[in-house]
Amino acid sequence: MRVVVSGGGTGGHIYPALALIREIQKENMNAEFLYIGTEKGLESNLVPRENIPFKSIHITGFKRKLSLENIKTIFRFLKGVRDSKKIIKEFNADVVIGTGGYVCGPVVYAASKLGIPTIIHEQNSVPGLTNKFLSKYVDRIAVCFEEASSFFPQEKVVLTGNPRASEVLGKDGIKGRLSIGLKTDIPVVLIFGGSRGARPINEAVLKSLAELGEKAYQILYVTGDVHYEEVLKEVQLIGSPENVIIKPFIHNMPEVLAGTDLTVARAGATTLAELTSLGIPSILIPSPYVTNNHQEKNARSLSEHGAAEILLEKDLTGKKLVELMDLILLDDKRLSEMKMASKKLGIPDAAKRLFRLMEELVAKEGSSPRK
């Protein structure tokens, strides 16, 4: 099987793509891959590191209002389609999958026009412009939230989950705790705002640091690289409690998550896939700065099933955050119910499901004549 993967812009589009590739490599040792992204995107660094062949096209996203830049984007799109057709033909792809970001637009569209089986993978509960556009042309649409189905042609939609969820299973939580100095016999709350951190979450934690120091549980507080030095200066003034460990970034996040009892986080699709795969209750603070406010809608898909509590950024204070943490972590019945609710929402075999979907398409349509 020769697979073209395209996805870019943010880790939320790239990490599921890499997880899928790793799953296919386990299932089919003869599979070959080509990743198409942009030269300026995060994928241009992450993908080559995984020893996956990478090619780039030049494309930009559409603005949500009329502008001269959008006219330029149309021409870039058309050139991107031409370039993508050439790359895909040379690679002789059997199937093409887009995992999100505007780079998928010309790549997946080109593949559909060549008669090659195509799939888009929508991680969020509300799709972006690119996937809405591509939904008219692709063969299948893989979704992670049932709520996303209503935006697409129903006959094309398949609930697969997020491939990233598969990679956090089977990890040693005790090893994860010990790796960063956490005790193994006391509950752990993980607080993080994504790879770059989130200033409002950092501010709330700093204001409640003294109070957190009096709790019977431990806190692993991940600031994000960008904010770490600034946070440390504040901590030196306030004092750092023994039960609070502060890190700029966690490199072994799957292991650390496996040893976590409660998580405070943003509501990105990949994060939620990891949490529900492991059955971890959460306090979600959706970013209000994302397209279509999709993080809040992602978060509500968990809270409505009892797996999470939502704390909107406009309501976020250190006092409210600590109160919510206590309400969940110090109530064994509530904590247990939230764990079960979270686990029910998880799709741990997501990568395998997506691979099977690809196999079915290739078997059914892989011999279609190239246009």
Foldseek 3Di string as FASTA:
>chain_A
DEEEEEEWADPLQVVLVVLLVVVVCVVPVPYAYEYEYACPTPCVVPVVVVVHHYDYADADDADPDDDPVNVVRVVSLVVLLVVLLVVCVVSVGQEYEYRYDQSVQSNQQSCLQQLHAYEYEALFLDDDPRCLVCLVRHQAYEYAFPSNCVSHDNVRYDDQHGSLQQVLPPAALVVLCVVQPHDQPFAEEEEAEPQQTDVLSLQQCLVCQVVVLPDRHAYEYAHHQVCQVVSVVSCVVVPHRPRYHYHPGDPPVSNNLLNHQEYEYEQRSSVLQNCLSNLHAYEYAHDCPDPPSRRVVSVCSLVVLLQYHYDYSVRDHNVVVVVVVCVQPVDVVSSVSNSVSSNVSHNNCSSVSVVVVSVVCSVVRSPPHTD
